[in-house]
C-alpha atoms as a PDB file:
ATOM      1  CA  UNK A   1     -35.961-209.620-145.998  1.00  0.00           C
ATOM      2  CA  UNK A   2     -33.344-208.917-143.026  1.00  0.00           C
ATOM      3  CA  UNK A   3     -30.804-206.060-143.223  1.00  0.00           C
ATOM      4  CA  UNK A   4     -27.480-207.571-145.011  1.00  0.00           C
ATOM      5  CA  UNK A   5     -24.886-204.691-143.631  1.00  0.00           C
ATOM      6  CA  UNK A   6     -22.323-203.488-146.376  1.00  0.00           C
ATOM      7  CA  UNK A   7     -19.208-201.898-145.222  1.00  0.00           C
ATOM      8  CA  UNK A   8     -17.741-199.479-147.200  1.00  0.00           C
ATOM      9  CA  UNK A   9     -14.389-200.349-147.748  1.00  0.00           C
ATOM     10  CA  UNK A  10     -13.081-197.673-149.838  1.00  0.00           C
ATOM     11  CA  UNK A  11     -14.970-195.041-151.089  1.00  0.00           C
ATOM     12  CA  UNK A  12     -14.757-191.822-153.539  1.00  0.00           C
ATOM     13  CA  UNK A  13     -12.601-193.724-156.373  1.00  0.00           C
ATOM     14  CA  UNK A  14     -12.388-192.613-159.975  1.00  0.00           C
ATOM     15  CA  UNK A  15     -13.597-194.829-162.433  1.00  0.00           C
ATOM     16  CA  UNK A  16     -12.671-194.704-165.896  1.00  0.00           C
ATOM     17  CA  UNK A  17     -13.816-195.706-169.189  1.00  0.00           C
ATOM     18  CA  UNK A  18     -11.235-197.050-170.407  1.00  0.00           C
ATOM     19  CA  UNK A  19      -9.127-200.387-169.329  1.00  0.00           C
ATOM     20  CA  UNK A  20      -5.783-198.039-169.384  1.00  0.00           C
ATOM     21  CA  UNK A  21      -7.790-195.786-166.792  1.00  0.00           C
ATOM     22  CA  UNK A  22      -7.430-192.773-168.574  1.00  0.00           C
ATOM     23  CA  UNK A  23     -10.501-191.619-169.321  1.00  0.00           C
ATOM     24  CA  UNK A  24     -12.484-190.957-165.961  1.00  0.00           C
ATOM     25  CA  UNK A  25     -16.033-190.531-165.557  1.00  0.00           C
ATOM     26  CA  UNK A  26     -17.584-187.396-164.596  1.00  0.00           C
ATOM     27  CA  UNK A  27     -20.410-187.369-162.331  1.00  0.00           C
ATOM     28  CA  UNK A  28     -20.243-190.352-160.646  1.00  0.00           C
ATOM     29  CA  UNK A  29     -17.152-192.522-158.286  1.00  0.00           C
ATOM     30  CA  UNK A  30     -17.014-195.969-156.925  1.00  0.00           C
ATOM     31  CA  UNK A  31     -17.219-197.209-153.601  1.00  0.00           C
ATOM     32  CA  UNK A  32     -15.771-200.885-152.562  1.00  0.00           C
ATOM     33  CA  UNK A  33     -17.973-202.886-149.936  1.00  0.00           C
ATOM     34  CA  UNK A  34     -18.160-205.621-148.416  1.00  0.00           C
ATOM     35  CA  UNK A  35     -21.426-207.972-146.993  1.00  0.00           C
ATOM     36  CA  UNK A  36     -20.834-207.931-143.115  1.00  0.00           C
ATOM     37  CA  UNK A  37     -23.858-210.405-142.800  1.00  0.00           C
ATOM     38  CA  UNK A  38     -23.469-212.725-139.593  1.00  0.00           C
ATOM     39  CA  UNK A  39     -25.534-215.500-141.304  1.00  0.00           C
ATOM     40  CA  UNK A  40     -22.306-216.091-143.639  1.00  0.00           C
ATOM     41  CA  UNK A  41     -19.002-217.344-143.469  1.00  0.00           C
ATOM     42  CA  UNK A  42     -18.089-215.873-146.661  1.00  0.00           C
ATOM     43  CA  UNK A  43     -18.122-212.076-147.143  1.00  0.00           C
ATOM     44  CA  UNK A  44     -18.191-211.064-150.769  1.00  0.00           C
ATOM     45  CA  UNK A  45     -16.297-207.507-151.866  1.00  0.00           C
ATOM     46  CA  UNK A  46     -18.161-205.517-154.033  1.00  0.00           C
ATOM     47  CA  UNK A  47     -17.564-202.425-156.691  1.00  0.00           C
ATOM     48  CA  UNK A  48     -20.383-200.421-157.189  1.00  0.00           C
ATOM     49  CA  UNK A  49     -21.105-196.781-158.877  1.00  0.00           C
ATOM     50  CA  UNK A  50     -22.750-194.296-156.570  1.00  0.00           C
ATOM     51  CA  UNK A  51     -23.429-190.357-156.965  1.00  0.00           C
ATOM     52  CA  UNK A  52     -23.443-190.256-153.196  1.00  0.00           C
ATOM     53  CA  UNK A  53     -20.879-189.202-150.527  1.00  0.00           C
ATOM     54  CA  UNK A  54     -20.193-192.331-148.312  1.00  0.00           C
ATOM     55  CA  UNK A  55     -17.122-192.599-145.906  1.00  0.00           C
ATOM     56  CA  UNK A  56     -15.318-195.413-144.948  1.00  0.00           C
ATOM     57  CA  UNK A  57     -16.093-197.486-142.477  1.00  0.00           C
ATOM     58  CA  UNK A  58     -19.353-196.568-142.411  1.00  0.00           C
ATOM     59  CA  UNK A  59     -22.239-199.164-142.841  1.00  0.00           C
ATOM     60  CA  UNK A  60     -25.041-199.149-145.577  1.00  0.00           C
ATOM     61  CA  UNK A  61     -27.929-201.143-146.073  1.00  0.00           C
ATOM     62  CA  UNK A  62     -28.154-202.681-150.093  1.00  0.00           C
ATOM     63  CA  UNK A  63     -30.446-200.395-151.779  1.00  0.00           C
ATOM     64  CA  UNK A  64     -29.833-199.680-155.989  1.00  0.00           C
ATOM     65  CA  UNK A  65     -31.359-197.074-158.572  1.00  0.00           C
ATOM     66  CA  UNK A  66     -31.592-199.461-161.530  1.00  0.00           C
ATOM     67  CA  UNK A  67     -32.594-195.899-163.067  1.00  0.00           C
ATOM     68  CA  UNK A  68     -29.137-194.626-163.671  1.00  0.00           C
ATOM     69  CA  UNK A  69     -26.756-197.232-164.927  1.00  0.00           C
ATOM     70  CA  UNK A  70     -22.836-197.384-165.798  1.00  0.00           C
ATOM     71  CA  UNK A  71     -21.557-199.064-168.931  1.00  0.00           C
ATOM     72  CA  UNK A  72     -18.512-201.383-168.670  1.00  0.00           C
ATOM     73  CA  UNK A  73     -15.559-199.672-166.560  1.00  0.00           C
ATOM     74  CA  UNK A  74     -12.546-200.017-164.761  1.00  0.00           C
ATOM     75  CA  UNK A  75     -10.658-198.382-162.134  1.00  0.00           C
ATOM     76  CA  UNK A  76      -7.205-198.554-160.130  1.00  0.00           C
ATOM     77  CA  UNK A  77      -7.161-200.940-157.026  1.00  0.00           C
ATOM     78  CA  UNK A  78      -6.065-199.187-153.771  1.00  0.00           C
ATOM     79  CA  UNK A  79      -4.601-201.898-152.231  1.00  0.00           C
ATOM     80  CA  UNK A  80      -2.789-203.188-155.156  1.00  0.00           C
ATOM     81  CA  UNK A  81      -2.178-200.050-157.684  1.00  0.00           C
ATOM     82  CA  UNK A  82      -3.271-202.651-160.518  1.00  0.00           C
ATOM     83  CA  UNK A  83      -5.751-201.372-163.146  1.00  0.00           C
ATOM     84  CA  UNK A  84      -9.035-203.586-162.528  1.00  0.00           C
ATOM     85  CA  UNK A  85     -12.580-203.640-164.367  1.00  0.00           C
ATOM     86  CA  UNK A  86     -14.997-202.911-162.253  1.00  0.00           C
ATOM     87  CA  UNK A  87     -18.310-204.250-163.959  1.00  0.00           C
ATOM     88  CA  UNK A  88     -19.907-205.247-167.114  1.00  0.00           C
ATOM     89  CA  UNK A  89     -22.673-202.816-166.480  1.00  0.00           C
ATOM     90  CA  UNK A  90     -23.769-201.359-163.167  1.00  0.00           C
ATOM     91  CA  UNK A  91     -26.887-199.748-161.629  1.00  0.00           C
ATOM     92  CA  UNK A  92     -26.765-197.040-159.211  1.00  0.00           C
ATOM     93  CA  UNK A  93     -26.050-197.341-156.015  1.00  0.00           C
ATOM     94  CA  UNK A  94     -27.702-195.781-153.339  1.00  0.00           C
ATOM     95  CA  UNK A  95     -27.684-197.626-149.807  1.00  0.00           C
ATOM     96  CA  UNK A  96     -28.656-195.761-146.322  1.00  0.00           C
ATOM     97  CA  UNK A  97     -26.023-195.428-143.676  1.00  0.00           C
ATOM     98  CA  UNK A  98     -27.314-197.381-141.312  1.00  0.00           C
ATOM     99  CA  UNK A  99     -24.311-196.966-138.950  1.00  0.00           C
ATOM    100  CA  UNK A 100     -21.794-194.305-139.242  1.00  0.00           C
END
């Protein structure tokens, strides 16, 4: 399967267990990724939980750890400042850095 690169748009964002974004989830952060597959015209954006440290602008491989999961969560969108649902259920993102 060919590598689909994902670019880190935002890193180290806190996420919360409540829609009001008052109860922060400990031990993990949210990263916002954009699929940059050159074969696609649409480049989807994904919000993923992770316990790893990534930096904005890095290119990552898509890898997940299905043994670690988080329930329904919300975050504050860094572009708009609005509270948004991150996911209904998500597994841990653990992608390797392929380009810094």
